[in-house]
């Protein structure tokens, strides 16, 4: 009986870690991929604050795909004249899977 309780607690602890890990992993990924050179979560720097991006695109069904492509290909106009370079060509480059993970994390910011 004691063993099954220990296993249940271990599974619950692991589940809690796996639920919170992606958000932290994405913040770390944003740092690693130099996103934080131009963005922060709470306020505009060169590019918009991630919380503002999340608010602007909240509820839009195609937001993740559109923003993933924006990260990969770059662009300008949505937030003013400052150009966002194509992150697929950046150093270090951002893969499509990483861009999608970053966008999903950004869309969770408040």
PDB file of N, CA and C in Angstrom:
ATOM      1  N   UNK A   1       0.830  -1.196   0.000  1.00  0.00           N
ATOM      2  CA  UNK A   1       0.000   0.000   0.000  1.00  0.00           C
ATOM      3  C   UNK A   1       0.869   1.252   0.000  1.00  0.00           C
ATOM      4  N   UNK A   2       1.890   1.274   0.852  1.00  0.00           N
ATOM      5  CA  UNK A   2       2.779   2.433   0.934  1.00  0.00           C
ATOM      6  C   UNK A   2       3.467   2.671  -0.407  1.00  0.00           C
ATOM      7  N   UNK A   3       3.853   1.598  -1.071  1.00  0.00           N
ATOM      8  CA  UNK A   3       4.519   1.693  -2.361  1.00  0.00           C
ATOM      9  C   UNK A   3       3.611   2.323  -3.419  1.00  0.00           C
ATOM     10  N   UNK A   4       2.327   1.941  -3.452  1.00  0.00           N
ATOM     11  CA  UNK A   4       1.415   2.500  -4.446  1.00  0.00           C
ATOM     12  C   UNK A   4       1.146   3.978  -4.186  1.00  0.00           C
ATOM     13  N   UNK A   5       1.141   4.391  -2.931  1.00  0.00           N
ATOM     14  CA  UNK A   5       0.984   5.805  -2.597  1.00  0.00           C
ATOM     15  C   UNK A   5       2.202   6.585  -3.074  1.00  0.00           C
ATOM     16  N   UNK A   6       3.381   6.036  -2.873  1.00  0.00           N
ATOM     17  CA  UNK A   6       4.609   6.684  -3.329  1.00  0.00           C
ATOM     18  C   UNK A   6       4.620   6.826  -4.842  1.00  0.00           C
ATOM     19  N   UNK A   7       4.185   5.792  -5.528  1.00  0.00           N
ATOM     20  CA  UNK A   7       4.126   5.845  -6.990  1.00  0.00           C
ATOM     21  C   UNK A   7       3.123   6.897  -7.440  1.00  0.00           C
ATOM     22  N   UNK A   8       1.970   6.939  -6.802  1.00  0.00           N
ATOM     23  CA  UNK A   8       0.950   7.928  -7.153  1.00  0.00           C
ATOM     24  C   UNK A   8       1.463   9.345  -6.945  1.00  0.00           C
ATOM     25  N   UNK A   9       2.174   9.572  -5.848  1.00  0.00           N
ATOM     26  CA  UNK A   9       2.744  10.901  -5.594  1.00  0.00           C
ATOM     27  C   UNK A   9       3.807  11.245  -6.629  1.00  0.00           C
ATOM     28  N   UNK A  10       4.620  10.282  -6.993  1.00  0.00           N
ATOM     29  CA  UNK A  10       5.657  10.520  -7.998  1.00  0.00           C
ATOM     30  C   UNK A  10       5.041  10.855  -9.352  1.00  0.00           C
ATOM     31  N   UNK A  11       3.988  10.132  -9.730  1.00  0.00           N
ATOM     32  CA  UNK A  11       3.300  10.399 -10.994  1.00  0.00           C
ATOM     33  C   UNK A  11       2.675  11.797 -10.969  1.00  0.00           C
ATOM     34  N   UNK A  12       2.056  12.160  -9.859  1.00  0.00           N
ATOM     35  CA  UNK A  12       1.444  13.490  -9.745  1.00  0.00           C
ATOM     36  C   UNK A  12       2.500  14.587  -9.830  1.00  0.00           C
ATOM     37  N   UNK A  13       3.623  14.380  -9.181  1.00  0.00           N
ATOM     38  CA  UNK A  13       4.704  15.373  -9.239  1.00  0.00           C
ATOM     39  C   UNK A  13       5.231  15.505 -10.651  1.00  0.00           C
ATOM     40  N   UNK A  14       5.429  14.387 -11.333  1.00  0.00           N
ATOM     41  CA  UNK A  14       5.918  14.427 -12.711  1.00  0.00           C
ATOM     42  C   UNK A  14       4.915  15.118 -13.619  1.00  0.00           C
ATOM     43  N   UNK A  15       3.627  14.826 -13.435  1.00  0.00           N
ATOM     44  CA  UNK A  15       2.589  15.456 -14.251  1.00  0.00           C
ATOM     45  C   UNK A  15       2.611  16.963 -14.057  1.00  0.00           C
ATOM     46  N   UNK A  16       2.786  17.422 -12.835  1.00  0.00           N
ATOM     47  CA  UNK A  16       2.866  18.856 -12.563  1.00  0.00           C
ATOM     48  C   UNK A  16       4.050  19.491 -13.245  1.00  0.00           C
ATOM     49  N   UNK A  17       5.175  18.806 -13.245  1.00  0.00           N
ATOM     50  CA  UNK A  17       6.359  19.328 -13.925  1.00  0.00           C
ATOM     51  C   UNK A  17       6.144  19.377 -15.417  1.00  0.00           C
ATOM     52  N   UNK A  18       5.556  18.345 -15.982  1.00  0.00           N
ATOM     53  CA  UNK A  18       5.377  18.317 -17.426  1.00  0.00           C
ATOM     54  C   UNK A  18       4.369  19.348 -17.888  1.00  0.00           C
ATOM     55  N   UNK A  19       3.427  19.728 -17.030  1.00  0.00           N
ATOM     56  CA  UNK A  19       2.467  20.761 -17.399  1.00  0.00           C
ATOM     57  C   UNK A  19       3.131  22.130 -17.391  1.00  0.00           C
ATOM     58  N   UNK A  20       3.985  22.421 -16.417  1.00  0.00           N
ATOM     59  CA  UNK A  20       4.591  23.737 -16.330  1.00  0.00           C
ATOM     60  C   UNK A  20       5.889  23.848 -17.138  1.00  0.00           C
ATOM     61  N   UNK A  21       6.494  22.748 -17.490  1.00  0.00           N
ATOM     62  CA  UNK A  21       7.772  22.785 -18.192  1.00  0.00           C
ATOM     63  C   UNK A  21       7.734  23.490 -19.551  1.00  0.00           C
ATOM     64  N   UNK A  22       6.697  23.280 -20.401  1.00  0.00           N
ATOM     65  CA  UNK A  22       6.721  23.927 -21.704  1.00  0.00           C
ATOM     66  C   UNK A  22       6.778  25.448 -21.638  1.00  0.00           C
ATOM     67  N   UNK A  23       6.071  26.069 -20.701  1.00  0.00           N
ATOM     68  CA  UNK A  23       6.102  27.525 -20.605  1.00  0.00           C
ATOM     69  C   UNK A  23       7.503  28.008 -20.280  1.00  0.00           C
ATOM     70  N   UNK A  24       8.163  27.364 -19.332  1.00  0.00           N
ATOM     71  CA  UNK A  24       9.523  27.751 -18.974  1.00  0.00           C
ATOM     72  C   UNK A  24      10.481  27.447 -20.119  1.00  0.00           C
ATOM     73  N   UNK A  25      10.294  26.295 -20.747  1.00  0.00           N
ATOM     74  CA  UNK A  25      11.154  25.920 -21.859  1.00  0.00           C
ATOM     75  C   UNK A  25      11.051  26.948 -22.979  1.00  0.00           C
ATOM     76  N   UNK A  26       9.866  27.476 -23.210  1.00  0.00           N
ATOM     77  CA  UNK A  26       9.700  28.465 -24.265  1.00  0.00           C
ATOM     78  C   UNK A  26      10.341  29.796 -23.898  1.00  0.00           C
ATOM     79  N   UNK A  27      10.267  30.186 -22.637  1.00  0.00           N
ATOM     80  CA  UNK A  27      10.951  31.408 -22.207  1.00  0.00           C
ATOM     81  C   UNK A  27      12.460  31.229 -22.388  1.00  0.00           C
ATOM     82  N   UNK A  28      12.953  30.063 -22.036  1.00  0.00           N
ATOM     83  CA  UNK A  28      14.377  29.781 -22.240  1.00  0.00           C
ATOM     84  C   UNK A  28      14.717  29.761 -23.725  1.00  0.00           C
ATOM     85  N   UNK A  29      13.827  29.183 -24.529  1.00  0.00           N
ATOM     86  CA  UNK A  29      14.047  29.151 -25.975  1.00  0.00           C
ATOM     87  C   UNK A  29      14.047  30.565 -26.552  1.00  0.00           C
ATOM     88  N   UNK A  30      13.145  31.417 -26.084  1.00  0.00           N
ATOM     89  CA  UNK A  30      13.107  32.810 -26.542  1.00  0.00           C
ATOM     90  C   UNK A  30      14.418  33.516 -26.222  1.00  0.00           C
ATOM     91  N   UNK A  31      14.976  33.231 -25.071  1.00  0.00           N
ATOM     92  CA  UNK A  31      16.264  33.810 -24.685  1.00  0.00           C
ATOM     93  C   UNK A  31      17.373  33.255 -25.581  1.00  0.00           C
ATOM     94  N   UNK A  32      17.382  31.950 -25.754  1.00  0.00           N
ATOM     95  CA  UNK A  32      18.416  31.263 -26.546  1.00  0.00           C
ATOM     96  C   UNK A  32      18.406  31.718 -28.006  1.00  0.00           C
ATOM     97  N   UNK A  33      17.217  31.970 -28.557  1.00  0.00           N
ATOM     98  CA  UNK A  33      17.086  32.355 -29.965  1.00  0.00           C
ATOM     99  C   UNK A  33      17.120  33.871 -30.160  1.00  0.00           C
ATOM    100  N   UNK A  34      17.483  34.603 -29.125  1.00  0.00           N
ATOM    101  CA  UNK A  34      17.664  36.061 -29.164  1.00  0.00           C
ATOM    102  C   UNK A  34      16.379  36.862 -29.383  1.00  0.00           C
ATOM    103  N   UNK A  35      15.234  36.251 -29.115  1.00  0.00           N
ATOM    104  CA  UNK A  35      13.970  36.989 -29.220  1.00  0.00           C
ATOM    105  C   UNK A  35      13.954  38.170 -28.247  1.00  0.00           C
ATOM    106  N   UNK A  36      14.578  37.951 -27.085  1.00  0.00           N
ATOM    107  CA  UNK A  36      14.551  38.964 -26.031  1.00  0.00           C
ATOM    108  C   UNK A  36      15.472  40.155 -26.340  1.00  0.00           C
ATOM    109  N   UNK A  37      16.170  40.106 -27.450  1.00  0.00           N
ATOM    110  CA  UNK A  37      16.953  41.271 -27.871  1.00  0.00           C
ATOM    111  C   UNK A  37      16.039  42.400 -28.329  1.00  0.00           C
ATOM    112  N   UNK A  38      14.880  42.038 -28.876  1.00  0.00           N
ATOM    113  CA  UNK A  38      13.949  43.039 -29.398  1.00  0.00           C
ATOM    114  C   UNK A  38      12.588  43.042 -28.709  1.00  0.00           C
ATOM    115  N   UNK A  39      12.282  42.006 -27.934  1.00  0.00           N
ATOM    116  CA  UNK A  39      10.982  41.873 -27.281  1.00  0.00           C
ATOM    117  C   UNK A  39      11.154  41.601 -25.797  1.00  0.00           C
ATOM    118  N   UNK A  40      10.146  41.974 -25.019  1.00  0.00           N
ATOM    119  CA  UNK A  40      10.000  41.512 -23.635  1.00  0.00           C
ATOM    120  C   UNK A  40       8.557  41.043 -23.488  1.00  0.00           C
ATOM    121  N   UNK A  41       8.252  40.443 -22.384  1.00  0.00           N
ATOM    122  CA  UNK A  41       6.892  39.973 -22.162  1.00  0.00           C
ATOM    123  C   UNK A  41       5.958  41.151 -21.903  1.00  0.00           C
ATOM    124  N   UNK A  42       6.398  42.128 -21.121  1.00  0.00           N
ATOM    125  CA  UNK A  42       5.492  43.159 -20.616  1.00  0.00           C
ATOM    126  C   UNK A  42       5.508  44.506 -21.330  1.00  0.00           C
ATOM    127  N   UNK A  43       6.612  44.875 -21.993  1.00  0.00           N
ATOM    128  CA  UNK A  43       6.620  46.204 -22.621  1.00  0.00           C
ATOM    129  C   UNK A  43       7.363  46.199 -23.951  1.00  0.00           C
ATOM    130  N   UNK A  44       6.984  47.142 -24.805  1.00  0.00           N
ATOM    131  CA  UNK A  44       7.591  47.295 -26.123  1.00  0.00           C
ATOM    132  C   UNK A  44       9.053  47.701 -25.970  1.00  0.00           C
ATOM    133  N   UNK A  45       9.895  47.083 -26.757  1.00  0.00           N
ATOM    134  CA  UNK A  45      11.300  47.497 -26.841  1.00  0.00           C
ATOM    135  C   UNK A  45      11.494  47.926 -28.286  1.00  0.00           C
ATOM    136  N   UNK A  46      12.091  47.098 -29.116  1.00  0.00           N
ATOM    137  CA  UNK A  46      12.150  47.357 -30.560  1.00  0.00           C
ATOM    138  C   UNK A  46      10.868  46.829 -31.192  1.00  0.00           C
ATOM    139  N   UNK A  47      10.518  45.608 -30.812  1.00  0.00           N
ATOM    140  CA  UNK A  47       9.276  44.995 -31.268  1.00  0.00           C
ATOM    141  C   UNK A  47       8.246  45.043 -30.159  1.00  0.00           C
ATOM    142  N   UNK A  48       7.037  44.611 -30.461  1.00  0.00           N
ATOM    143  CA  UNK A  48       5.962  44.674 -29.465  1.00  0.00           C
ATOM    144  C   UNK A  48       6.198  43.732 -28.288  1.00  0.00           C
ATOM    145  N   UNK A  49       5.578  44.067 -27.162  1.00  0.00           N
ATOM    146  CA  UNK A  49       5.597  43.184 -25.999  1.00  0.00           C
ATOM    147  C   UNK A  49       4.821  41.922 -26.345  1.00  0.00           C
ATOM    148  N   UNK A  50       5.279  40.796 -25.843  1.00  0.00           N
ATOM    149  CA  UNK A  50       4.601  39.539 -26.127  1.00  0.00           C
ATOM    150  C   UNK A  50       3.162  39.547 -25.622  1.00  0.00           C
ATOM    151  N   UNK A  51       2.897  40.214 -24.493  1.00  0.00           N
ATOM    152  CA  UNK A  51       1.520  40.281 -23.986  1.00  0.00           C
ATOM    153  C   UNK A  51       0.623  41.049 -24.960  1.00  0.00           C
ATOM    154  N   UNK A  52       1.177  42.041 -25.643  1.00  0.00           N
ATOM    155  CA  UNK A  52       0.406  42.797 -26.624  1.00  0.00           C
ATOM    156  C   UNK A  52       0.123  41.965 -27.872  1.00  0.00           C
ATOM    157  N   UNK A  53       1.102  41.154 -28.280  1.00  0.00           N
ATOM    158  CA  UNK A  53       0.897  40.249 -29.413  1.00  0.00           C
ATOM    159  C   UNK A  53      -0.227  39.268 -29.068  1.00  0.00           C
ATOM    160  N   UNK A  54      -0.158  38.691 -27.866  1.00  0.00           N
ATOM    161  CA  UNK A  54      -1.175  37.734 -27.434  1.00  0.00           C
ATOM    162  C   UNK A  54      -2.561  38.379 -27.430  1.00  0.00           C
ATOM    163  N   UNK A  55      -2.646  39.604 -26.948  1.00  0.00           N
ATOM    164  CA  UNK A  55      -3.938  40.301 -26.894  1.00  0.00           C
ATOM    165  C   UNK A  55      -4.467  40.596 -28.298  1.00  0.00           C
ATOM    166  N   UNK A  56      -3.592  41.038 -29.191  1.00  0.00           N
ATOM    167  CA  UNK A  56      -4.016  41.397 -30.547  1.00  0.00           C
ATOM    168  C   UNK A  56      -4.544  40.189 -31.316  1.00  0.00           C
ATOM    169  N   UNK A  57      -3.922  39.044 -31.130  1.00  0.00           N
ATOM    170  CA  UNK A  57      -4.277  37.863 -31.912  1.00  0.00           C
ATOM    171  C   UNK A  57      -5.157  36.871 -31.148  1.00  0.00           C
ATOM    172  N   UNK A  58      -5.561  37.208 -29.936  1.00  0.00           N
ATOM    173  CA  UNK A  58      -6.405  36.311 -29.122  1.00  0.00           C
ATOM    174  C   UNK A  58      -7.685  35.967 -29.871  1.00  0.00           C
ATOM    175  N   UNK A  59      -8.029  34.693 -29.857  1.00  0.00           N
ATOM    176  CA  UNK A  59      -9.271  34.254 -30.466  1.00  0.00           C
ATOM    177  C   UNK A  59      -9.234  34.080 -31.974  1.00  0.00           C
ATOM    178  N   UNK A  60      -8.136  34.420 -32.618  1.00  0.00           N
ATOM    179  CA  UNK A  60      -8.039  34.245 -34.064  1.00  0.00           C
ATOM    180  C   UNK A  60      -7.565  32.816 -34.357  1.00  0.00           C
ATOM    181  N   UNK A  61      -8.363  32.063 -35.074  1.00  0.00           N
ATOM    182  CA  UNK A  61      -8.088  30.641 -35.305  1.00  0.00           C
ATOM    183  C   UNK A  61      -6.759  30.399 -36.013  1.00  0.00           C
ATOM    184  N   UNK A  62      -6.385  31.274 -36.911  1.00  0.00           N
ATOM    185  CA  UNK A  62      -5.157  31.055 -37.685  1.00  0.00           C
ATOM    186  C   UNK A  62      -3.952  31.792 -37.105  1.00  0.00           C
ATOM    187  N   UNK A  63      -4.076  32.332 -35.910  1.00  0.00           N
ATOM    188  CA  UNK A  63      -3.002  33.148 -35.330  1.00  0.00           C
ATOM    189  C   UNK A  63      -1.695  32.381 -35.189  1.00  0.00           C
ATOM    190  N   UNK A  64      -1.742  31.152 -34.694  1.00  0.00           N
ATOM    191  CA  UNK A  64      -0.502  30.407 -34.486  1.00  0.00           C
ATOM    192  C   UNK A  64       0.224  30.197 -35.800  1.00  0.00           C
ATOM    193  N   UNK A  65      -0.492  29.795 -36.824  1.00  0.00           N
ATOM    194  CA  UNK A  65       0.165  29.561 -38.115  1.00  0.00           C
ATOM    195  C   UNK A  65       0.675  30.872 -38.724  1.00  0.00           C
ATOM    196  N   UNK A  66      -0.140  31.917 -38.698  1.00  0.00           N
ATOM    197  CA  UNK A  66       0.286  33.208 -39.263  1.00  0.00           C
ATOM    198  C   UNK A  66       1.513  33.748 -38.547  1.00  0.00           C
ATOM    199  N   UNK A  67       1.497  33.695 -37.216  1.00  0.00           N
ATOM    200  CA  UNK A  67       2.629  34.225 -36.454  1.00  0.00           C
ATOM    201  C   UNK A  67       3.869  33.343 -36.588  1.00  0.00           C
ATOM    202  N   UNK A  68       3.681  32.041 -36.717  1.00  0.00           N
ATOM    203  CA  UNK A  68       4.824  31.152 -36.952  1.00  0.00           C
ATOM    204  C   UNK A  68       5.512  31.545 -38.249  1.00  0.00           C
ATOM    205  N   UNK A  69       4.733  31.781 -39.288  1.00  0.00           N
ATOM    206  CA  UNK A  69       5.315  32.189 -40.575  1.00  0.00           C
ATOM    207  C   UNK A  69       5.968  33.567 -40.478  1.00  0.00           C
ATOM    208  N   UNK A  70       5.389  34.461 -39.691  1.00  0.00           N
ATOM    209  CA  UNK A  70       5.976  35.798 -39.493  1.00  0.00           C
ATOM    210  C   UNK A  70       7.334  35.678 -38.809  1.00  0.00           C
ATOM    211  N   UNK A  71       7.426  34.800 -37.804  1.00  0.00           N
ATOM    212  CA  UNK A  71       8.710  34.579 -37.130  1.00  0.00           C
ATOM    213  C   UNK A  71       9.725  34.044 -38.125  1.00  0.00           C
ATOM    214  N   UNK A  72       9.329  33.071 -38.914  1.00  0.00           N
ATOM    215  CA  UNK A  72      10.261  32.431 -39.848  1.00  0.00           C
ATOM    216  C   UNK A  72      10.684  33.363 -40.977  1.00  0.00           C
ATOM    217  N   UNK A  73       9.710  34.090 -41.566  1.00  0.00           N
ATOM    218  CA  UNK A  73       9.966  34.885 -42.772  1.00  0.00           C
ATOM    219  C   UNK A  73      10.219  36.366 -42.512  1.00  0.00           C
ATOM    220  N   UNK A  74       9.878  36.836 -41.310  1.00  0.00           N
ATOM    221  CA  UNK A  74      10.038  38.247 -40.995  1.00  0.00           C
ATOM    222  C   UNK A  74       8.919  39.069 -41.599  1.00  0.00           C
ATOM    223  N   UNK A  75       9.048  40.380 -41.498  1.00  0.00           N
ATOM    224  CA  UNK A  75       8.053  41.269 -42.071  1.00  0.00           C
ATOM    225  C   UNK A  75       7.949  42.566 -41.303  1.00  0.00           C
ATOM    226  N   UNK A  76       7.040  43.429 -41.759  1.00  0.00           N
ATOM    227  CA  UNK A  76       6.800  44.699 -41.074  1.00  0.00           C
ATOM    228  C   UNK A  76       5.382  45.152 -41.364  1.00  0.00           C
ATOM    229  N   UNK A  77       4.973  46.182 -40.644  1.00  0.00           N
ATOM    230  CA  UNK A  77       3.681  46.782 -40.896  1.00  0.00           C
ATOM    231  C   UNK A  77       2.634  46.517 -39.838  1.00  0.00           C
ATOM    232  N   UNK A  78       2.632  45.338 -39.244  1.00  0.00           N
ATOM    233  CA  UNK A  78       1.611  45.010 -38.251  1.00  0.00           C
ATOM    234  C   UNK A  78       1.802  45.807 -36.966  1.00  0.00           C
ATOM    235  N   UNK A  79       3.048  46.195 -36.675  1.00  0.00           N
ATOM    236  CA  UNK A  79       3.357  46.912 -35.432  1.00  0.00           C
ATOM    237  C   UNK A  79       4.128  48.206 -35.719  1.00  0.00           C
ATOM    238  N   UNK A  80       4.046  48.680 -36.935  1.00  0.00           N
ATOM    239  CA  UNK A  80       4.767  49.895 -37.300  1.00  0.00           C
ATOM    240  C   UNK A  80       5.825  49.585 -38.350  1.00  0.00           C
ATOM    241  N   UNK A  81       6.677  50.561 -38.627  1.00  0.00           N
ATOM    242  CA  UNK A  81       7.615  50.411 -39.738  1.00  0.00           C
ATOM    243  C   UNK A  81       8.873  49.574 -39.453  1.00  0.00           C
ATOM    244  N   UNK A  82       9.126  49.230 -38.205  1.00  0.00           N
ATOM    245  CA  UNK A  82      10.348  48.488 -37.885  1.00  0.00           C
ATOM    246  C   UNK A  82      10.235  47.075 -38.441  1.00  0.00           C
ATOM    247  N   UNK A  83      11.222  46.669 -39.212  1.00  0.00           N
ATOM    248  CA  UNK A  83      11.239  45.367 -39.865  1.00  0.00           C
ATOM    249  C   UNK A  83      11.722  44.282 -38.915  1.00  0.00           C
ATOM    250  N   UNK A  84      11.012  43.160 -38.876  1.00  0.00           N
ATOM    251  CA  UNK A  84      11.472  41.990 -38.134  1.00  0.00           C
ATOM    252  C   UNK A  84      12.175  41.084 -39.130  1.00  0.00           C
ATOM    253  N   UNK A  85      13.451  40.778 -38.896  1.00  0.00           N
ATOM    254  CA  UNK A  85      14.159  39.910 -39.836  1.00  0.00           C
ATOM    255  C   UNK A  85      13.632  38.475 -39.796  1.00  0.00           C
ATOM    256  N   UNK A  86      13.912  37.729 -40.844  1.00  0.00           N
ATOM    257  CA  UNK A  86      13.529  36.320 -40.925  1.00  0.00           C
ATOM    258  C   UNK A  86      14.358  35.526 -39.927  1.00  0.00           C
ATOM    259  N   UNK A  87      13.688  34.941 -38.963  1.00  0.00           N
ATOM    260  CA  UNK A  87      14.415  34.218 -37.922  1.00  0.00           C
ATOM    261  C   UNK A  87      14.922  32.852 -38.404  1.00  0.00           C
ATOM    262  N   UNK A  88      14.387  32.355 -39.528  1.00  0.00           N
ATOM    263  CA  UNK A  88      14.911  31.095 -40.078  1.00  0.00           C
ATOM    264  C   UNK A  88      16.332  31.291 -40.580  1.00  0.00           C
ATOM    265  N   UNK A  89      16.708  32.535 -40.864  1.00  0.00           N
ATOM    266  CA  UNK A  89      18.054  32.851 -41.358  1.00  0.00           C
ATOM    267  C   UNK A  89      18.928  33.498 -40.288  1.00  0.00           C
ATOM    268  N   UNK A  90      18.410  33.592 -39.069  1.00  0.00           N
ATOM    269  CA  UNK A  90      19.129  34.263 -37.978  1.00  0.00           C
ATOM    270  C   UNK A  90      20.273  33.384 -37.467  1.00  0.00           C
ATOM    271  N   UNK A  91      21.058  33.962 -36.604  1.00  0.00           N
ATOM    272  CA  UNK A  91      22.126  33.219 -35.953  1.00  0.00           C
ATOM    273  C   UNK A  91      21.905  33.309 -34.448  1.00  0.00           C
ATOM    274  N   UNK A  92      21.413  32.283 -33.797  1.00  0.00           N
ATOM    275  CA  UNK A  92      21.112  30.945 -34.311  1.00  0.00           C
ATOM    276  C   UNK A  92      19.771  30.927 -35.034  1.00  0.00           C
ATOM    277  N   UNK A  93      19.648  30.079 -36.062  1.00  0.00           N
ATOM    278  CA  UNK A  93      18.380  30.007 -36.799  1.00  0.00           C
ATOM    279  C   UNK A  93      17.262  29.396 -35.956  1.00  0.00           C
ATOM    280  N   UNK A  94      16.036  29.768 -36.287  1.00  0.00           N
ATOM    281  CA  UNK A  94      14.852  29.233 -35.617  1.00  0.00           C
ATOM    282  C   UNK A  94      14.181  28.269 -36.592  1.00  0.00           C
ATOM    283  N   UNK A  95      13.988  27.027 -36.167  1.00  0.00           N
ATOM    284  CA  UNK A  95      13.304  26.048 -37.005  1.00  0.00           C
ATOM    285  C   UNK A  95      11.796  26.303 -36.961  1.00  0.00           C
ATOM    286  N   UNK A  96      11.062  25.674 -37.853  1.00  0.00           N
ATOM    287  CA  UNK A  96       9.609  25.843 -37.846  1.00  0.00           C
ATOM    288  C   UNK A  96       8.994  25.318 -36.549  1.00  0.00           C
ATOM    289  N   UNK A  97       9.498  24.195 -36.052  1.00  0.00           N
ATOM    290  CA  UNK A  97       8.980  23.641 -34.783  1.00  0.00           C
ATOM    291  C   UNK A  97       9.269  24.601 -33.626  1.00  0.00           C
ATOM    292  N   UNK A  98      10.461  25.187 -33.608  1.00  0.00           N
ATOM    293  CA  UNK A  98      10.792  26.148 -32.552  1.00  0.00           C
ATOM    294  C   UNK A  98       9.936  27.398 -32.661  1.00  0.00           C
ATOM    295  N   UNK A  99       9.724  27.877 -33.890  1.00  0.00           N
ATOM    296  CA  UNK A  99       8.891  29.065 -34.092  1.00  0.00           C
ATOM    297  C   UNK A  99       7.473  28.814 -33.588  1.00  0.00           C
ATOM    298  N   UNK A 100       6.927  27.639 -33.883  1.00  0.00           N
ATOM    299  CA  UNK A 100       5.577  27.301 -33.426  1.00  0.00           C
ATOM    300  C   UNK A 100       5.530  27.239 -31.900  1.00  0.00           C
ATOM    301  N   UNK A 101       6.555  26.641 -31.290  1.00  0.00           N
ATOM    302  CA  UNK A 101       6.615  26.561 -29.822  1.00  0.00           C
ATOM    303  C   UNK A 101       6.684  27.963 -29.223  1.00  0.00           C
ATOM    304  N   UNK A 102       7.488  28.820 -29.807  1.00  0.00           N
ATOM    305  CA  UNK A 102       7.609  30.197 -29.318  1.00  0.00           C
ATOM    306  C   UNK A 102       6.284  30.944 -29.447  1.00  0.00           C
ATOM    307  N   UNK A 103       5.622  30.798 -30.590  1.00  0.00           N
ATOM    308  CA  UNK A 103       4.343  31.483 -30.801  1.00  0.00           C
ATOM    309  C   UNK A 103       3.295  30.975 -29.810  1.00  0.00           C
ATOM    310  N   UNK A 104       3.253  29.676 -29.585  1.00  0.00           N
ATOM    311  CA  UNK A 104       2.292  29.143 -28.622  1.00  0.00           C
ATOM    312  C   UNK A 104       2.556  29.701 -27.230  1.00  0.00           C
ATOM    313  N   UNK A 105       3.821  29.856 -26.872  1.00  0.00           N
ATOM    314  CA  UNK A 105       4.176  30.445 -25.587  1.00  0.00           C
ATOM    315  C   UNK A 105       3.770  31.932 -25.548  1.00  0.00           C
ATOM    316  N   UNK A 106       4.082  32.661 -26.617  1.00  0.00           N
ATOM    317  CA  UNK A 106       3.730  34.087 -26.673  1.00  0.00           C
ATOM    318  C   UNK A 106       2.216  34.267 -26.513  1.00  0.00           C
ATOM    319  N   UNK A 107       1.442  33.398 -27.138  1.00  0.00           N
ATOM    320  CA  UNK A 107      -0.009  33.525 -27.079  1.00  0.00           C
ATOM    321  C   UNK A 107      -0.565  33.262 -25.680  1.00  0.00           C
ATOM    322  N   UNK A 108       0.235  32.733 -24.779  1.00  0.00           N
ATOM    323  CA  UNK A 108      -0.187  32.506 -23.385  1.00  0.00           C
ATOM    324  C   UNK A 108       0.144  33.683 -22.472  1.00  0.00           C
ATOM    325  N   UNK A 109       0.855  34.679 -22.984  1.00  0.00           N
ATOM    326  CA  UNK A 109       1.291  35.793 -22.146  1.00  0.00           C
ATOM    327  C   UNK A 109       0.135  36.734 -21.862  1.00  0.00           C
ATOM    328  N   UNK A 110       0.139  37.289 -20.668  1.00  0.00           N
ATOM    329  CA  UNK A 110      -0.927  38.219 -20.244  1.00  0.00           C
ATOM    330  C   UNK A 110      -0.314  39.505 -19.773  1.00  0.00           C
TER     331      UNK A 110
END
